[in-house]
Amino acid sequence: MRPSSHMFAGALGALALLAAPSSSQAQANVSAIAGATFSTLRGVDGLDSRTGLIGGLSIVLPSSGLIAFQPEVLFTSKGAKGENSGPDGLKLNYVEVPLLFRLQLDVGTGITPHLYAGPYLGFQISCKVEGIDADCEDAPGVSTKTVDLGGALGGGLAFDVGPALLTTGLRYSFGVSKIADFEFGNVNESAKNGSFAIYAGLGFRLGGR
């Protein structure tokens, strides 16, 4: 049976009620997070994972229900290592803006488990080719895109420590747009980003307790 416009309208209405703010909602908070990334280039064979950094600001804007909105601004390292330090390995750095929807549960012990998912938009700020001393734009056979569109999902724990909030979590981000093309002889390959990240953060409530 095909869904009708009334069914879509009802679903949107339910989401609006769930996310609508109320006077009893939890306080918003902002956290500085930092951690490590373990990334690869999906779609290209013969690459090893590259370890990098992730860091930035994460804001949680709660609603009256279990759903919160979690926008972020992050610096993140991505790319991959070539097996033999060849020109197929890339060192990529991005400024990313994830727009995440967060499901959180206050279990009443000062610990808040949470899960989240949503899209991200990444802007490449640097790109180096492994094995040669050149930027990606100067390397023969390598073409990269400056914008990366993808999704992120993950989860973690938030700990209420007096006026502060401690956070730890794990996430996976996956690109849906191609960010690099490789052409070497008869080999033509396109790559998308894929990256795990583990992080910790320190945050504070907005507007006091």
Protein backbone atom coordinates (compact mmCIF):
# COMPACT_ATOMS: atom_id res chain seq x y z
CA MET A 1 0.00 0.00 0.00
CA ARG A 2 1.38 3.39 -0.96
CA PRO A 3 1.66 5.91 1.90
CA SER A 4 -0.70 8.86 1.60
CA SER A 5 -0.09 12.52 2.27
CA HIS A 6 -2.20 12.17 5.44
CA MET A 7 0.17 9.51 6.75
CA PHE A 8 3.19 11.77 6.10
CA ALA A 9 1.42 14.71 7.75
CA GLY A 10 0.64 12.57 10.79
CA ALA A 11 4.26 11.44 11.07
CA LEU A 12 5.53 15.01 10.84
CA GLY A 13 3.04 16.09 13.46
CA ALA A 14 4.21 13.37 15.85
CA LEU A 15 7.82 14.43 15.38
CA ALA A 16 6.94 18.05 15.99
CA LEU A 17 5.17 17.16 19.27
CA LEU A 18 8.14 15.07 20.37
CA ALA A 19 10.66 17.80 19.64
CA ALA A 20 8.61 20.79 20.80
CA PRO A 21 10.29 22.67 23.66
CA SER A 22 8.62 23.00 27.06
CA SER A 23 9.35 24.69 30.35
CA SER A 24 10.40 21.35 31.89
CA GLN A 25 13.00 20.49 29.27
CA ALA A 26 16.56 19.66 30.25
CA GLN A 27 19.11 22.42 29.91
CA ALA A 28 21.15 22.90 26.79
CA ASN A 29 24.88 22.34 27.10
CA VAL A 30 28.04 22.88 25.11
CA SER A 31 31.10 20.63 25.20
CA ALA A 32 34.63 20.72 23.85
CA ILE A 33 35.51 17.24 22.57
CA ALA A 34 38.79 15.67 21.43
CA GLY A 35 39.84 12.20 20.39
CA ALA A 36 41.33 9.93 17.74
CA THR A 37 40.12 8.83 14.30
CA PHE A 38 40.77 5.56 12.48
CA SER A 39 39.90 6.13 8.84
CA THR A 40 40.08 4.54 5.42
CA LEU A 41 39.05 5.23 1.83
CA ARG A 42 36.11 3.03 0.90
CA GLY A 43 36.15 1.71 -2.66
CA VAL A 44 39.93 1.53 -3.04
CA ASP A 45 41.74 -1.77 -2.52
CA GLY A 46 45.09 -2.24 -0.82
CA LEU A 47 44.86 0.53 1.78
CA ASP A 48 45.54 0.52 5.51
CA SER A 49 43.78 2.53 8.20
CA ARG A 50 45.15 5.97 9.04
CA THR A 51 45.13 7.31 12.60
CA GLY A 52 44.32 10.99 13.07
CA LEU A 53 42.65 13.54 15.31
CA ILE A 54 39.15 14.83 15.94
CA GLY A 55 38.19 17.87 18.00
CA GLY A 56 35.76 20.73 18.25
CA LEU A 57 32.51 21.89 19.81
CA SER A 58 29.30 19.91 20.34
CA ILE A 59 26.04 21.56 21.43
CA VAL A 60 23.05 19.63 22.80
CA LEU A 61 19.65 21.35 22.54
CA PRO A 62 17.12 19.18 24.39
CA SER A 63 13.37 19.02 23.81
CA SER A 64 10.43 17.99 25.97
CA GLY A 65 10.81 14.37 24.90
CA LEU A 66 13.75 12.00 24.58
CA ILE A 67 15.01 13.64 21.40
CA ALA A 68 17.62 16.40 21.33
CA PHE A 69 19.31 18.27 18.48
CA GLN A 70 23.11 18.07 18.46
CA PRO A 71 24.90 20.39 16.01
CA GLU A 72 28.69 20.31 15.96
CA VAL A 73 31.69 22.04 14.43
CA LEU A 74 34.69 19.72 14.21
CA PHE A 75 38.20 19.40 12.84
CA THR A 76 38.74 15.82 11.73
CA SER A 77 41.56 13.89 10.05
CA LYS A 78 40.67 11.27 7.45
CA GLY A 79 42.26 9.39 4.57
CA ALA A 80 44.20 6.13 4.40
CA LYS A 81 47.70 4.70 4.16
CA GLY A 82 48.99 2.93 1.09
CA GLU A 83 50.40 -0.56 1.68
CA ASN A 84 53.80 0.39 0.30
CA SER A 85 53.75 4.16 0.92
CA GLY A 86 52.63 4.59 -2.67
CA PRO A 87 50.70 7.48 -4.14
CA ASP A 88 47.33 5.90 -3.36
CA GLY A 89 47.47 6.93 0.32
CA LEU A 90 45.95 10.28 1.26
CA LYS A 91 46.16 12.56 4.29
CA LEU A 92 42.89 14.53 4.42
CA ASN A 93 41.85 17.19 6.91
CA TYR A 94 38.33 18.59 7.11
CA VAL A 95 36.19 21.07 8.96
CA GLU A 96 32.92 19.19 9.46
CA VAL A 97 29.45 20.33 10.48
CA PRO A 98 27.38 17.35 11.69
CA LEU A 99 23.65 17.94 12.34
CA LEU A 100 22.68 15.08 14.62
CA PHE A 101 19.47 13.91 16.25
CA ARG A 102 20.11 12.49 19.69
CA LEU A 103 18.13 9.97 21.74
CA GLN A 104 19.02 10.30 25.40
CA LEU A 105 17.79 8.63 28.59
CA ASP A 106 18.28 10.05 32.06
CA VAL A 107 18.54 6.99 34.31
CA GLY A 108 18.56 9.11 37.48
CA THR A 109 22.13 8.35 38.56
CA GLY A 110 23.89 11.33 37.01
CA ILE A 111 24.71 9.24 33.94
CA THR A 112 22.92 9.83 30.64
CA PRO A 113 23.35 7.18 27.90
CA HIS A 114 22.69 8.51 24.41
CA LEU A 115 22.60 7.49 20.76
CA TYR A 116 22.67 9.82 17.78
CA ALA A 117 22.60 9.89 14.00
CA GLY A 118 22.41 12.46 11.24
CA PRO A 119 24.08 14.01 8.20
CA TYR A 120 27.33 15.94 8.05
CA LEU A 121 28.90 18.36 5.61
CA GLY A 122 32.69 18.45 5.40
CA PHE A 123 34.98 21.07 3.85
CA GLN A 124 38.48 19.94 2.94
CA ILE A 125 41.18 22.22 4.32
CA SER A 126 44.25 20.19 3.33
CA CYS A 127 45.17 17.12 1.30
CA LYS A 128 48.55 15.41 0.96
CA VAL A 129 49.48 12.40 -1.17
CA GLU A 130 51.44 9.73 0.63
CA GLY A 131 54.75 8.79 -0.97
CA ILE A 132 55.38 12.06 -2.81
CA ASP A 133 56.04 15.56 -1.53
CA ALA A 134 53.04 17.25 -3.15
CA ASP A 135 49.57 18.49 -2.44
CA CYS A 136 46.77 16.47 -3.99
CA GLU A 137 46.09 19.10 -6.65
CA ASP A 138 49.70 18.81 -7.87
CA ALA A 139 49.87 14.99 -7.91
CA PRO A 140 49.42 13.25 -11.27
CA GLY A 141 46.59 10.74 -11.39
CA VAL A 142 44.89 12.05 -8.24
CA SER A 143 41.79 14.22 -8.19
CA THR A 144 40.00 15.17 -4.97
CA LYS A 145 36.79 16.99 -4.08
CA THR A 146 36.71 19.84 -1.60
CA VAL A 147 33.27 18.96 -0.17
CA ASP A 148 32.34 15.71 1.56
CA LEU A 149 28.70 14.82 2.25
CA GLY A 150 27.88 11.89 4.51
CA GLY A 151 26.28 10.56 7.66
CA ALA A 152 27.38 9.86 11.21
CA LEU A 153 26.05 7.58 13.92
CA GLY A 154 27.28 6.76 17.38
CA GLY A 155 26.64 6.89 21.07
CA GLY A 156 28.16 7.45 24.45
CA LEU A 157 27.71 8.41 28.07
CA ALA A 158 27.40 11.82 29.72
CA PHE A 159 28.39 12.11 33.39
CA ASP A 160 26.96 14.87 35.60
CA VAL A 161 29.87 16.11 37.74
CA GLY A 162 28.69 19.14 39.68
CA PRO A 163 28.55 22.12 37.34
CA ALA A 164 30.40 20.24 34.61
CA LEU A 165 29.51 17.43 32.20
CA LEU A 166 31.98 14.75 31.18
CA THR A 167 31.28 12.91 27.94
CA THR A 168 32.78 9.90 26.23
CA GLY A 169 31.66 8.23 23.04
CA LEU A 170 32.29 6.32 19.85
CA ARG A 171 31.06 7.17 16.34
CA TYR A 172 31.31 6.05 12.74
CA SER A 173 31.04 8.48 9.84
CA PHE A 174 30.56 7.40 6.25
CA GLY A 175 30.76 9.51 3.13
CA VAL A 176 28.05 9.22 0.50
CA SER A 177 29.82 11.44 -2.01
CA LYS A 178 33.05 10.58 -3.83
CA ILE A 179 35.97 12.55 -2.47
CA ALA A 180 38.84 11.21 -4.60
CA ASP A 181 39.52 9.62 -7.99
CA PHE A 182 42.69 7.68 -8.82
CA GLU A 183 43.91 7.03 -12.36
CA PHE A 184 47.14 5.06 -12.72
CA GLY A 185 47.57 3.21 -16.02
CA ASN A 186 44.54 1.01 -16.48
CA VAL A 187 43.43 1.41 -12.89
CA ASN A 188 40.55 3.82 -12.24
CA GLU A 189 39.19 3.92 -8.69
CA SER A 190 36.94 6.29 -6.75
CA ALA A 191 36.93 6.66 -2.99
CA LYS A 192 34.54 7.65 -0.24
CA ASN A 193 35.47 8.46 3.33
CA GLY A 194 34.91 6.06 6.22
CA SER A 195 36.08 6.79 9.75
CA PHE A 196 35.69 5.56 13.32
CA ALA A 197 36.32 8.03 16.14
CA ILE A 198 36.66 7.66 19.90
CA TYR A 199 36.50 10.83 21.97
CA ALA A 200 36.01 12.47 25.36
CA GLY A 201 34.67 15.89 26.23
CA LEU A 202 34.17 18.49 28.93
CA GLY A 203 31.04 20.59 28.88
CA PHE A 204 28.92 23.11 30.77
CA ARG A 205 25.23 23.90 30.87
CA LEU A 206 24.02 27.03 29.12
CA GLY A 207 22.25 29.44 31.44
CA GLY A 208 23.39 27.83 34.69
CA ARG A 209 21.84 24.96 36.57
